[in-house]
């Protein structure tokens, strides 16, 4: 159940703010409400779902501040993942990376947006998996999901999916053993993703302190 819900979120089929009703999920997955509550609670711990008393469970909606925190965390973590991977790269790991890049290209050629979005996020998780640090992998899975939710909420008119050419450039630098280059390419890549999003404050949002404070 959790895996299917997560996949739907990563493919942008379940959008931020979507209500995840216990009765409906129990019917869809032919299980009990108790089991549904257990799964939703676990997904809430992973920040994929938000739980509200008396209202239920909803797909998480990261705020702009949370989104900025996610990108800051990724800039700190992902160069370290790349650096570690350069140090432990072997032929089997490189084949997995190249196969993933191939699947990304195929999804784009087929205009399969769902697969493209999912594979884009999975690339970063795969780097962490191959780097061989379980703590980094857990962090990257969470950050990848929050990034996916952020893109759903704040995407601009331009394409905010990861560009497979940028992924391939990172992989080529890793394969060549050029750690500093791979790290910089990853940082540039993250800048590109964030720059494609509308993460500025809403100009229409009223500043209550400014509006009401002057009248006191």
N, C-alpha and C. Protein backbone atom coordinates (compact mmCIF):
# COMPACT_ATOMS: atom_id res chain seq x y z
N UNK A 1 0.83 -1.21 0.00
CA UNK A 1 0.00 0.00 0.00
C UNK A 1 0.86 1.26 0.00
N UNK A 2 1.83 1.31 0.93
CA UNK A 2 2.69 2.47 1.02
C UNK A 2 3.46 2.69 -0.28
N UNK A 3 3.94 1.60 -0.87
CA UNK A 3 4.71 1.71 -2.10
C UNK A 3 3.87 2.26 -3.24
N UNK A 4 2.62 1.81 -3.34
CA UNK A 4 1.75 2.29 -4.42
C UNK A 4 1.38 3.76 -4.23
N UNK A 5 1.13 4.15 -2.99
CA UNK A 5 0.83 5.56 -2.71
C UNK A 5 2.05 6.41 -3.02
N UNK A 6 3.23 5.94 -2.59
CA UNK A 6 4.46 6.69 -2.84
C UNK A 6 4.73 6.85 -4.33
N UNK A 7 4.52 5.78 -5.09
CA UNK A 7 4.74 5.85 -6.54
C UNK A 7 3.80 6.86 -7.18
N UNK A 8 2.54 6.87 -6.74
CA UNK A 8 1.58 7.82 -7.28
C UNK A 8 1.97 9.25 -6.96
N UNK A 9 2.56 9.47 -5.78
CA UNK A 9 3.04 10.80 -5.42
C UNK A 9 4.24 11.18 -6.29
N UNK A 10 5.17 10.25 -6.46
CA UNK A 10 6.37 10.54 -7.24
C UNK A 10 6.07 10.76 -8.71
N UNK A 11 4.98 10.18 -9.18
CA UNK A 11 4.59 10.37 -10.58
C UNK A 11 3.63 11.54 -10.76
N UNK A 12 3.39 12.29 -9.68
CA UNK A 12 2.50 13.46 -9.72
C UNK A 12 1.06 13.08 -10.04
N UNK A 13 0.68 11.85 -9.73
CA UNK A 13 -0.72 11.47 -9.89
C UNK A 13 -1.52 11.78 -8.63
N UNK A 14 -0.88 11.70 -7.47
CA UNK A 14 -1.46 12.16 -6.22
C UNK A 14 -0.77 13.48 -5.87
N UNK A 15 -1.51 14.58 -5.93
CA UNK A 15 -0.93 15.89 -5.76
C UNK A 15 -0.95 16.33 -4.30
N UNK A 16 -0.08 17.27 -3.93
CA UNK A 16 -0.08 17.78 -2.55
C UNK A 16 -1.46 18.27 -2.15
N UNK A 17 -1.86 17.93 -0.93
CA UNK A 17 -3.16 18.34 -0.43
C UNK A 17 -4.28 17.36 -0.69
N UNK A 18 -4.02 16.30 -1.46
CA UNK A 18 -5.05 15.30 -1.74
C UNK A 18 -5.42 14.56 -0.45
N UNK A 19 -6.72 14.47 -0.17
CA UNK A 19 -7.16 13.77 1.03
C UNK A 19 -7.03 12.26 0.83
N UNK A 20 -6.49 11.60 1.83
CA UNK A 20 -6.32 10.15 1.79
C UNK A 20 -7.28 9.53 2.81
N UNK A 21 -8.53 9.39 2.40
CA UNK A 21 -9.57 8.89 3.30
C UNK A 21 -9.35 7.44 3.69
N UNK A 22 -9.49 7.15 4.95
CA UNK A 22 -9.25 5.79 5.44
C UNK A 22 -10.20 4.78 4.81
N UNK A 23 -11.47 5.14 4.73
CA UNK A 23 -12.46 4.20 4.18
C UNK A 23 -12.16 3.88 2.72
N UNK A 24 -11.84 4.92 1.95
CA UNK A 24 -11.56 4.71 0.53
C UNK A 24 -10.31 3.87 0.33
N UNK A 25 -9.28 4.16 1.11
CA UNK A 25 -8.04 3.39 0.98
C UNK A 25 -8.24 1.94 1.42
N UNK A 26 -9.02 1.74 2.47
CA UNK A 26 -9.29 0.38 2.93
C UNK A 26 -10.01 -0.41 1.85
N UNK A 27 -10.93 0.26 1.14
CA UNK A 27 -11.65 -0.41 0.07
C UNK A 27 -10.73 -0.69 -1.13
N UNK A 28 -9.93 0.28 -1.50
CA UNK A 28 -9.03 0.13 -2.65
C UNK A 28 -8.05 -1.01 -2.44
N UNK A 29 -7.50 -1.10 -1.22
CA UNK A 29 -6.47 -2.10 -0.94
C UNK A 29 -7.01 -3.34 -0.23
N UNK A 30 -8.35 -3.39 -0.09
CA UNK A 30 -9.00 -4.55 0.51
C UNK A 30 -8.36 -4.91 1.86
N UNK A 31 -8.32 -3.92 2.73
CA UNK A 31 -7.71 -4.13 4.03
C UNK A 31 -8.52 -3.37 5.09
N UNK A 32 -8.07 -3.40 6.32
CA UNK A 32 -8.79 -2.75 7.41
C UNK A 32 -8.38 -1.29 7.57
N UNK A 33 -9.25 -0.53 8.21
CA UNK A 33 -8.91 0.87 8.49
C UNK A 33 -7.72 0.95 9.44
N UNK A 34 -7.62 -0.01 10.34
CA UNK A 34 -6.48 -0.02 11.27
C UNK A 34 -5.16 -0.14 10.51
N UNK A 35 -5.15 -1.00 9.50
CA UNK A 35 -3.95 -1.16 8.68
C UNK A 35 -3.66 0.12 7.91
N UNK A 36 -4.70 0.75 7.38
CA UNK A 36 -4.53 2.02 6.65
C UNK A 36 -3.93 3.07 7.58
N UNK A 37 -4.45 3.17 8.80
CA UNK A 37 -3.94 4.17 9.75
C UNK A 37 -2.46 3.91 10.06
N UNK A 38 -2.10 2.64 10.17
CA UNK A 38 -0.71 2.28 10.45
C UNK A 38 0.20 2.74 9.31
N UNK A 39 -0.22 2.49 8.07
CA UNK A 39 0.58 2.88 6.91
C UNK A 39 0.68 4.40 6.81
N UNK A 40 -0.43 5.09 7.01
CA UNK A 40 -0.42 6.55 6.90
C UNK A 40 0.45 7.18 7.99
N UNK A 41 0.43 6.58 9.18
CA UNK A 41 1.28 7.10 10.26
C UNK A 41 2.75 6.95 9.90
N UNK A 42 3.10 5.82 9.29
CA UNK A 42 4.49 5.61 8.88
C UNK A 42 4.87 6.60 7.78
N UNK A 43 3.97 6.84 6.84
CA UNK A 43 4.26 7.78 5.76
C UNK A 43 4.34 9.21 6.29
N UNK A 44 3.61 9.50 7.36
CA UNK A 44 3.70 10.82 7.98
C UNK A 44 5.07 11.02 8.61
N UNK A 45 5.62 9.96 9.19
CA UNK A 45 6.97 10.05 9.76
C UNK A 45 8.01 10.32 8.68
N UNK A 46 7.73 9.86 7.46
CA UNK A 46 8.62 10.11 6.33
C UNK A 46 8.30 11.43 5.63
N UNK A 47 7.35 12.20 6.20
CA UNK A 47 6.95 13.52 5.69
C UNK A 47 6.28 13.47 4.33
N UNK A 48 5.77 12.30 3.96
CA UNK A 48 5.06 12.16 2.70
C UNK A 48 3.58 12.51 2.87
N UNK A 49 3.12 12.35 4.10
CA UNK A 49 1.71 12.55 4.44
C UNK A 49 1.63 13.45 5.66
N UNK A 50 0.57 14.27 5.71
CA UNK A 50 0.31 15.09 6.89
C UNK A 50 -0.97 14.61 7.54
N UNK A 51 -0.97 14.49 8.87
CA UNK A 51 -2.13 14.04 9.64
C UNK A 51 -2.68 15.21 10.44
N UNK A 52 -4.00 15.43 10.33
CA UNK A 52 -4.66 16.51 11.06
C UNK A 52 -5.78 15.94 11.92
N UNK A 53 -5.81 16.26 13.21
CA UNK A 53 -6.89 15.78 14.07
C UNK A 53 -8.26 16.20 13.54
N UNK A 54 -9.17 15.28 13.55
CA UNK A 54 -10.55 15.49 13.11
C UNK A 54 -10.69 15.69 11.61
N UNK A 55 -9.59 15.79 10.88
CA UNK A 55 -9.67 16.01 9.44
C UNK A 55 -9.13 14.83 8.65
N UNK A 56 -8.14 14.14 9.18
CA UNK A 56 -7.62 12.96 8.50
C UNK A 56 -6.25 13.18 7.91
N UNK A 57 -5.94 12.37 6.89
CA UNK A 57 -4.61 12.37 6.27
C UNK A 57 -4.67 13.02 4.89
N UNK A 58 -3.61 13.73 4.56
CA UNK A 58 -3.50 14.41 3.27
C UNK A 58 -2.08 14.25 2.75
N UNK A 59 -1.94 14.22 1.43
CA UNK A 59 -0.60 14.27 0.84
C UNK A 59 0.04 15.58 1.28
N UNK A 60 1.30 15.51 1.72
CA UNK A 60 1.96 16.68 2.29
C UNK A 60 2.06 17.84 1.31
N UNK A 61 2.01 19.07 1.88
CA UNK A 61 2.16 20.29 1.09
C UNK A 61 3.29 21.11 1.69
N UNK A 62 4.51 20.94 1.20
CA UNK A 62 5.63 21.71 1.76
C UNK A 62 5.42 23.21 1.57
N UNK A 63 5.74 23.98 2.60
CA UNK A 63 5.70 25.44 2.48
C UNK A 63 6.93 25.89 1.69
N UNK A 64 6.94 27.17 1.33
CA UNK A 64 8.11 27.71 0.62
C UNK A 64 9.35 27.60 1.49
N UNK A 65 9.22 27.90 2.78
CA UNK A 65 10.36 27.79 3.69
C UNK A 65 10.86 26.36 3.77
N UNK A 66 9.93 25.40 3.83
CA UNK A 66 10.34 23.99 3.85
C UNK A 66 11.03 23.60 2.55
N UNK A 67 10.53 24.10 1.44
CA UNK A 67 11.14 23.80 0.14
C UNK A 67 12.57 24.34 0.08
N UNK A 68 12.77 25.55 0.56
CA UNK A 68 14.12 26.13 0.57
C UNK A 68 15.05 25.34 1.47
N UNK A 69 14.51 24.87 2.60
CA UNK A 69 15.31 24.03 3.50
C UNK A 69 15.73 22.74 2.81
N UNK A 70 14.82 22.17 2.03
CA UNK A 70 15.12 20.92 1.32
C UNK A 70 16.28 21.13 0.35
N UNK A 71 16.24 22.21 -0.42
CA UNK A 71 17.33 22.44 -1.37
C UNK A 71 18.63 22.75 -0.66
N UNK A 72 18.57 23.45 0.46
CA UNK A 72 19.79 23.70 1.23
C UNK A 72 20.39 22.38 1.71
N UNK A 73 19.53 21.49 2.21
CA UNK A 73 20.00 20.19 2.69
C UNK A 73 20.60 19.38 1.55
N UNK A 74 19.96 19.42 0.39
CA UNK A 74 20.47 18.65 -0.75
C UNK A 74 21.83 19.17 -1.19
N UNK A 75 22.05 20.48 -1.13
CA UNK A 75 23.35 21.02 -1.52
C UNK A 75 24.45 20.59 -0.55
N UNK A 76 24.08 20.35 0.68
CA UNK A 76 25.06 19.88 1.66
C UNK A 76 25.33 18.38 1.53
N UNK A 77 24.28 17.62 1.21
CA UNK A 77 24.38 16.16 1.24
C UNK A 77 24.86 15.56 -0.09
N UNK A 78 24.32 16.03 -1.19
CA UNK A 78 24.56 15.33 -2.46
C UNK A 78 26.00 15.42 -2.98
N UNK A 79 26.71 16.54 -2.78
CA UNK A 79 28.13 16.49 -3.17
C UNK A 79 28.89 15.42 -2.39
N UNK A 80 28.54 15.21 -1.13
CA UNK A 80 29.18 14.16 -0.34
C UNK A 80 28.84 12.78 -0.86
N UNK A 81 27.61 12.59 -1.31
CA UNK A 81 27.21 11.31 -1.91
C UNK A 81 28.04 11.05 -3.16
N UNK A 82 28.15 12.07 -4.01
CA UNK A 82 28.92 11.93 -5.25
C UNK A 82 30.38 11.63 -4.94
N UNK A 83 30.94 12.35 -3.98
CA UNK A 83 32.34 12.14 -3.63
C UNK A 83 32.58 10.72 -3.13
N UNK A 84 31.68 10.24 -2.30
CA UNK A 84 31.81 8.88 -1.78
C UNK A 84 31.68 7.85 -2.90
N UNK A 85 30.78 8.13 -3.84
CA UNK A 85 30.55 7.18 -4.93
C UNK A 85 31.77 7.10 -5.85
N UNK A 86 32.42 8.22 -6.09
CA UNK A 86 33.65 8.20 -6.90
C UNK A 86 34.68 7.27 -6.27
N UNK A 87 34.73 7.29 -4.95
CA UNK A 87 35.74 6.48 -4.24
C UNK A 87 35.43 4.99 -4.28
N UNK A 88 34.16 4.63 -4.42
CA UNK A 88 33.80 3.21 -4.35
C UNK A 88 33.20 2.68 -5.66
N UNK A 89 33.34 3.45 -6.74
CA UNK A 89 32.73 3.04 -8.01
C UNK A 89 33.37 1.76 -8.55
N UNK A 90 32.51 0.89 -9.11
CA UNK A 90 33.00 -0.30 -9.80
C UNK A 90 32.14 -0.53 -11.04
N UNK A 91 32.45 -1.56 -11.79
CA UNK A 91 31.76 -1.78 -13.07
C UNK A 91 30.28 -2.11 -12.88
N UNK A 92 29.95 -2.85 -11.83
CA UNK A 92 28.55 -3.20 -11.60
C UNK A 92 27.72 -1.96 -11.28
N UNK A 93 28.28 -1.07 -10.45
CA UNK A 93 27.56 0.17 -10.11
C UNK A 93 27.42 1.06 -11.34
N UNK A 94 28.45 1.12 -12.15
CA UNK A 94 28.37 1.94 -13.34
C UNK A 94 27.31 1.42 -14.30
N UNK A 95 27.19 0.10 -14.41
CA UNK A 95 26.14 -0.47 -15.28
C UNK A 95 24.76 -0.07 -14.79
N UNK A 96 24.56 -0.07 -13.48
CA UNK A 96 23.26 0.33 -12.94
C UNK A 96 22.96 1.80 -13.26
N UNK A 97 23.96 2.64 -13.13
CA UNK A 97 23.76 4.06 -13.46
C UNK A 97 23.46 4.24 -14.94
N UNK A 98 24.20 3.57 -15.79
CA UNK A 98 23.99 3.70 -17.22
C UNK A 98 22.63 3.15 -17.64
N UNK A 99 22.20 2.08 -17.00
CA UNK A 99 20.87 1.53 -17.29
C UNK A 99 19.78 2.52 -16.89
N UNK A 100 19.99 3.16 -15.75
CA UNK A 100 18.99 4.14 -15.31
C UNK A 100 18.92 5.31 -16.28
N UNK A 101 20.06 5.82 -16.72
CA UNK A 101 20.08 6.92 -17.69
C UNK A 101 19.36 6.49 -18.97
N UNK A 102 19.56 5.26 -19.38
CA UNK A 102 18.90 4.73 -20.58
C UNK A 102 17.38 4.75 -20.40
N UNK A 103 16.90 4.33 -19.22
CA UNK A 103 15.46 4.32 -18.96
C UNK A 103 14.90 5.75 -18.94
N UNK A 104 15.68 6.69 -18.41
CA UNK A 104 15.24 8.09 -18.41
C UNK A 104 15.08 8.60 -19.84
N UNK A 105 16.06 8.31 -20.68
CA UNK A 105 15.98 8.76 -22.07
C UNK A 105 14.78 8.15 -22.79
N UNK A 106 14.55 6.87 -22.56
CA UNK A 106 13.42 6.19 -23.20
C UNK A 106 12.10 6.80 -22.76
N UNK A 107 11.98 7.12 -21.48
CA UNK A 107 10.75 7.72 -20.98
C UNK A 107 10.49 9.08 -21.63
N UNK A 108 11.56 9.86 -21.79
CA UNK A 108 11.40 11.16 -22.43
C UNK A 108 11.04 11.02 -23.91
N UNK A 109 11.68 10.08 -24.59
CA UNK A 109 11.39 9.87 -26.01
C UNK A 109 9.95 9.44 -26.23
N UNK A 110 9.40 8.69 -25.26
CA UNK A 110 8.02 8.23 -25.35
C UNK A 110 7.03 9.27 -24.81
N UNK A 111 7.56 10.41 -24.34
CA UNK A 111 6.73 11.45 -23.72
C UNK A 111 5.92 10.89 -22.56
N UNK A 112 6.52 9.95 -21.84
CA UNK A 112 5.87 9.36 -20.67
C UNK A 112 6.22 10.23 -19.47
N UNK A 113 5.39 11.22 -19.20
CA UNK A 113 5.71 12.20 -18.16
C UNK A 113 5.77 11.56 -16.78
N UNK A 114 4.85 10.62 -16.51
CA UNK A 114 4.85 9.98 -15.19
C UNK A 114 6.16 9.26 -14.92
N UNK A 115 6.58 8.47 -15.90
CA UNK A 115 7.84 7.73 -15.73
C UNK A 115 9.02 8.68 -15.68
N UNK A 116 8.98 9.74 -16.47
CA UNK A 116 10.07 10.71 -16.48
C UNK A 116 10.25 11.35 -15.12
N UNK A 117 9.14 11.78 -14.52
CA UNK A 117 9.19 12.42 -13.21
C UNK A 117 9.71 11.45 -12.16
N UNK A 118 9.18 10.23 -12.18
CA UNK A 118 9.58 9.24 -11.17
C UNK A 118 11.06 8.88 -11.32
N UNK A 119 11.49 8.62 -12.54
CA UNK A 119 12.88 8.23 -12.77
C UNK A 119 13.85 9.36 -12.43
N UNK A 120 13.43 10.59 -12.66
CA UNK A 120 14.29 11.73 -12.33
C UNK A 120 14.63 11.75 -10.85
N UNK A 121 13.60 11.55 -10.02
CA UNK A 121 13.84 11.52 -8.57
C UNK A 121 14.61 10.29 -8.15
N UNK A 122 14.33 9.15 -8.78
CA UNK A 122 14.99 7.90 -8.42
C UNK A 122 16.49 7.93 -8.72
N UNK A 123 16.89 8.75 -9.69
CA UNK A 123 18.32 8.85 -10.02
C UNK A 123 19.12 9.28 -8.79
N UNK A 124 18.64 10.28 -8.10
CA UNK A 124 19.36 10.81 -6.94
C UNK A 124 19.37 9.80 -5.79
N UNK A 125 18.28 9.08 -5.64
CA UNK A 125 18.24 8.03 -4.61
C UNK A 125 19.21 6.91 -4.97
N UNK A 126 19.28 6.58 -6.25
CA UNK A 126 20.20 5.53 -6.70
C UNK A 126 21.65 5.90 -6.40
N UNK A 127 22.02 7.15 -6.62
CA UNK A 127 23.37 7.59 -6.29
C UNK A 127 23.68 7.32 -4.82
N UNK A 128 22.72 7.65 -3.95
CA UNK A 128 22.92 7.43 -2.52
C UNK A 128 23.01 5.95 -2.19
N UNK A 129 22.17 5.15 -2.84
CA UNK A 129 22.21 3.70 -2.61
C UNK A 129 23.58 3.13 -3.00
N UNK A 130 24.07 3.51 -4.17
CA UNK A 130 25.35 2.98 -4.65
C UNK A 130 26.53 3.50 -3.83
N UNK A 131 26.36 4.67 -3.20
CA UNK A 131 27.43 5.21 -2.37
C UNK A 131 27.65 4.37 -1.12
N UNK A 132 26.61 3.62 -0.72
CA UNK A 132 26.80 2.63 0.33
C UNK A 132 26.70 3.14 1.76
N UNK A 133 26.04 4.29 1.96
CA UNK A 133 25.85 4.80 3.32
C UNK A 133 24.36 4.81 3.61
N UNK A 134 23.92 3.98 4.56
CA UNK A 134 22.49 3.82 4.80
C UNK A 134 21.84 5.09 5.34
N UNK A 135 22.58 5.87 6.14
CA UNK A 135 22.02 7.10 6.68
C UNK A 135 21.81 8.12 5.56
N UNK A 136 22.78 8.23 4.65
CA UNK A 136 22.62 9.13 3.51
C UNK A 136 21.47 8.69 2.62
N UNK A 137 21.31 7.38 2.46
CA UNK A 137 20.23 6.86 1.64
C UNK A 137 18.87 7.22 2.22
N UNK A 138 18.70 7.05 3.54
CA UNK A 138 17.43 7.42 4.18
C UNK A 138 17.15 8.90 3.99
N UNK A 139 18.17 9.72 4.18
CA UNK A 139 17.98 11.16 4.02
C UNK A 139 17.62 11.52 2.58
N UNK A 140 18.28 10.87 1.62
CA UNK A 140 18.04 11.19 0.23
C UNK A 140 16.64 10.77 -0.21
N UNK A 141 16.16 9.64 0.30
CA UNK A 141 14.80 9.22 -0.02
C UNK A 141 13.78 10.26 0.45
N UNK A 142 13.96 10.74 1.66
CA UNK A 142 13.04 11.75 2.20
C UNK A 142 13.14 13.05 1.43
N UNK A 143 14.36 13.50 1.16
CA UNK A 143 14.54 14.75 0.43
C UNK A 143 14.03 14.66 -1.00
N UNK A 144 14.17 13.51 -1.62
CA UNK A 144 13.67 13.32 -2.98
C UNK A 144 12.15 13.43 -3.02
N UNK A 145 11.50 12.82 -2.03
CA UNK A 145 10.04 12.89 -1.96
C UNK A 145 9.58 14.33 -1.73
N UNK A 146 10.23 15.04 -0.81
CA UNK A 146 9.86 16.43 -0.54
C UNK A 146 10.10 17.31 -1.76
N UNK A 147 11.15 17.01 -2.51
CA UNK A 147 11.40 17.76 -3.74
C UNK A 147 10.30 17.51 -4.76
N UNK A 148 9.88 16.26 -4.87
CA UNK A 148 8.80 15.91 -5.79
C UNK A 148 7.52 16.68 -5.44
N UNK A 149 7.19 16.73 -4.15
CA UNK A 149 6.00 17.47 -3.70
C UNK A 149 6.17 18.96 -3.97
N UNK A 150 7.37 19.46 -3.76
CA UNK A 150 7.65 20.87 -4.01
C UNK A 150 7.45 21.22 -5.48
N UNK A 151 7.95 20.36 -6.37
CA UNK A 151 7.78 20.60 -7.80
C UNK A 151 6.31 20.60 -8.17
N UNK A 152 5.53 19.69 -7.58
CA UNK A 152 4.09 19.65 -7.86
C UNK A 152 3.42 20.96 -7.48
N UNK A 153 3.87 21.56 -6.38
CA UNK A 153 3.23 22.78 -5.87
C UNK A 153 3.70 24.04 -6.57
N UNK A 154 5.01 24.10 -6.84
CA UNK A 154 5.60 25.37 -7.22
C UNK A 154 6.21 25.37 -8.63
N UNK A 155 5.85 24.40 -9.44
CA UNK A 155 6.44 24.36 -10.78
C UNK A 155 5.99 25.58 -11.57
N UNK A 156 6.91 26.07 -12.39
CA UNK A 156 6.62 27.22 -13.25
C UNK A 156 6.20 26.72 -14.62
N UNK A 157 6.12 27.63 -15.56
CA UNK A 157 5.68 27.23 -16.90
C UNK A 157 6.73 26.38 -17.61
N UNK A 158 7.99 26.46 -17.16
CA UNK A 158 9.04 25.68 -17.81
C UNK A 158 9.10 24.29 -17.20
N UNK A 159 9.75 23.37 -17.90
CA UNK A 159 9.86 21.99 -17.44
C UNK A 159 10.79 21.91 -16.24
N UNK A 160 10.28 21.40 -15.10
CA UNK A 160 11.09 21.34 -13.89
C UNK A 160 11.60 19.93 -13.62
N UNK A 161 11.37 18.99 -14.52
CA UNK A 161 11.95 17.67 -14.34
C UNK A 161 13.47 17.75 -14.49
N UNK A 162 14.15 16.86 -13.78
CA UNK A 162 15.60 16.79 -13.97
C UNK A 162 15.90 16.51 -15.44
N UNK A 163 16.93 17.15 -15.95
CA UNK A 163 17.34 16.92 -17.33
C UNK A 163 18.28 15.73 -17.38
N UNK A 164 17.97 14.78 -18.24
CA UNK A 164 18.77 13.56 -18.30
C UNK A 164 20.19 13.87 -18.73
N UNK A 165 20.40 14.92 -19.56
CA UNK A 165 21.75 15.30 -19.96
C UNK A 165 22.58 15.71 -18.75
N UNK A 166 21.95 16.38 -17.79
CA UNK A 166 22.66 16.79 -16.58
C UNK A 166 22.99 15.58 -15.72
N UNK A 167 22.07 14.64 -15.65
CA UNK A 167 22.34 13.39 -14.93
C UNK A 167 23.51 12.65 -15.58
N UNK A 168 23.49 12.59 -16.90
CA UNK A 168 24.53 11.87 -17.62
C UNK A 168 25.89 12.53 -17.42
N UNK A 169 25.91 13.86 -17.36
CA UNK A 169 27.17 14.57 -17.15
C UNK A 169 27.75 14.22 -15.77
N UNK A 170 26.88 14.13 -14.77
CA UNK A 170 27.33 13.74 -13.43
C UNK A 170 27.91 12.33 -13.47
N UNK A 171 27.20 11.42 -14.13
CA UNK A 171 27.65 10.02 -14.21
C UNK A 171 28.99 9.93 -14.93
N UNK A 172 29.16 10.69 -16.02
CA UNK A 172 30.42 10.66 -16.77
C UNK A 172 31.58 11.15 -15.92
N UNK A 173 31.34 12.20 -15.12
CA UNK A 173 32.39 12.71 -14.25
C UNK A 173 32.74 11.70 -13.16
N UNK A 174 31.73 11.00 -12.64
CA UNK A 174 31.97 9.96 -11.64
C UNK A 174 32.79 8.84 -12.27
N UNK A 175 32.41 8.42 -13.47
CA UNK A 175 33.10 7.33 -14.16
C UNK A 175 34.56 7.67 -14.41
N UNK A 176 34.83 8.95 -14.67
CA UNK A 176 36.20 9.38 -14.94
C UNK A 176 37.00 9.59 -13.66
N UNK A 177 36.33 9.48 -12.51
CA UNK A 177 37.01 9.69 -11.25
C UNK A 177 37.25 11.15 -10.91
N UNK A 178 36.53 12.06 -11.57
CA UNK A 178 36.69 13.49 -11.36
C UNK A 178 35.71 13.96 -10.28
N UNK A 179 36.09 13.79 -9.05
CA UNK A 179 35.20 14.05 -7.94
C UNK A 179 34.75 15.50 -7.88
N UNK A 180 35.69 16.43 -7.94
CA UNK A 180 35.33 17.85 -7.82
C UNK A 180 34.40 18.28 -8.95
N UNK A 181 34.67 17.80 -10.14
CA UNK A 181 33.80 18.14 -11.28
C UNK A 181 32.40 17.58 -11.07
N UNK A 182 32.32 16.32 -10.62
CA UNK A 182 31.02 15.69 -10.39
C UNK A 182 30.24 16.43 -9.32
N UNK A 183 30.93 16.84 -8.26
CA UNK A 183 30.27 17.58 -7.19
C UNK A 183 29.73 18.91 -7.70
N UNK A 184 30.52 19.63 -8.49
CA UNK A 184 30.08 20.92 -9.01
C UNK A 184 28.92 20.76 -9.98
N UNK A 185 28.98 19.72 -10.81
CA UNK A 185 27.87 19.45 -11.73
C UNK A 185 26.59 19.17 -10.96
N UNK A 186 26.70 18.47 -9.85
CA UNK A 186 25.51 18.19 -9.03
C UNK A 186 24.95 19.48 -8.44
N UNK A 187 25.84 20.35 -7.95
CA UNK A 187 25.37 21.62 -7.40
C UNK A 187 24.71 22.47 -8.48
N UNK A 188 25.29 22.49 -9.67
CA UNK A 188 24.69 23.23 -10.78
C UNK A 188 23.31 22.66 -11.12
N UNK A 189 23.22 21.35 -11.07
CA UNK A 189 21.97 20.66 -11.37
C UNK A 189 20.89 21.05 -10.36
N UNK A 190 21.24 21.07 -9.09
CA UNK A 190 20.28 21.45 -8.05
C UNK A 190 19.87 22.92 -8.21
N UNK A 191 20.83 23.77 -8.58
CA UNK A 191 20.50 25.18 -8.84
C UNK A 191 19.49 25.29 -9.98
N UNK A 192 19.67 24.46 -11.01
CA UNK A 192 18.76 24.49 -12.15
C UNK A 192 17.35 24.09 -11.74
N UNK A 193 17.24 23.04 -10.92
CA UNK A 193 15.91 22.60 -10.48
C UNK A 193 15.24 23.68 -9.65
N UNK A 194 15.97 24.22 -8.66
CA UNK A 194 15.38 25.25 -7.81
C UNK A 194 15.03 26.50 -8.60
N UNK A 195 15.90 26.87 -9.54
CA UNK A 195 15.64 28.05 -10.33
C UNK A 195 14.43 27.94 -11.23
N UNK A 196 13.99 26.72 -11.48
CA UNK A 196 12.82 26.50 -12.33
C UNK A 196 11.51 26.59 -11.56
N UNK A 197 11.61 26.78 -10.23
CA UNK A 197 10.42 26.79 -9.38
C UNK A 197 10.08 28.22 -8.95
N UNK A 198 8.82 28.41 -8.60
CA UNK A 198 8.35 29.70 -8.10
C UNK A 198 8.36 29.63 -6.57
N UNK A 199 9.50 29.94 -5.97
CA UNK A 199 9.63 29.81 -4.52
C UNK A 199 9.71 31.17 -3.83
N UNK A 200 9.28 32.21 -4.52
CA UNK A 200 9.22 33.51 -3.88
C UNK A 200 7.91 33.62 -3.10
N UNK A 201 7.86 34.52 -2.14
CA UNK A 201 6.65 34.70 -1.34
C UNK A 201 5.52 35.19 -2.23
N UNK A 202 4.30 34.80 -1.90
CA UNK A 202 3.11 35.21 -2.65
C UNK A 202 2.90 36.70 -2.49
N UNK A 203 2.94 37.43 -3.62
CA UNK A 203 2.80 38.89 -3.56
C UNK A 203 1.43 39.31 -3.07
N UNK A 204 0.45 38.45 -3.17
CA UNK A 204 -0.90 38.80 -2.76
C UNK A 204 -1.16 38.50 -1.29
N UNK A 205 -0.18 37.90 -0.60
CA UNK A 205 -0.39 37.55 0.79
C UNK A 205 -0.28 38.79 1.66
N UNK A 206 -1.28 39.04 2.47
CA UNK A 206 -1.30 40.24 3.31
C UNK A 206 -0.31 40.12 4.45
N UNK A 207 0.44 41.21 4.70
CA UNK A 207 1.36 41.28 5.83
C UNK A 207 0.58 41.89 7.00
N UNK A 208 0.01 41.03 7.86
CA UNK A 208 -0.85 41.51 8.94
C UNK A 208 -0.11 42.40 9.91
N UNK A 209 1.17 42.08 10.19
CA UNK A 209 1.93 42.90 11.14
C UNK A 209 2.08 44.33 10.62
N UNK A 210 2.38 44.43 9.34
CA UNK A 210 2.56 45.76 8.77
C UNK A 210 1.25 46.51 8.66
N UNK A 211 0.19 45.82 8.25
CA UNK A 211 -1.09 46.45 8.04
C UNK A 211 -1.73 46.86 9.35
N UNK A 212 -1.71 45.98 10.32
CA UNK A 212 -2.43 46.24 11.56
C UNK A 212 -1.56 46.89 12.63
N UNK A 213 -0.24 46.68 12.53
CA UNK A 213 0.62 47.22 13.58
C UNK A 213 0.65 48.73 13.60
N UNK A 214 0.56 49.38 12.42
CA UNK A 214 0.63 50.84 12.36
C UNK A 214 -0.56 51.52 13.01
N UNK A 215 -1.67 50.75 13.14
CA UNK A 215 -2.88 51.39 13.68
C UNK A 215 -2.95 51.29 15.18
N UNK A 216 -1.99 50.59 15.80
CA UNK A 216 -2.01 50.42 17.26
C UNK A 216 -1.39 51.61 17.96
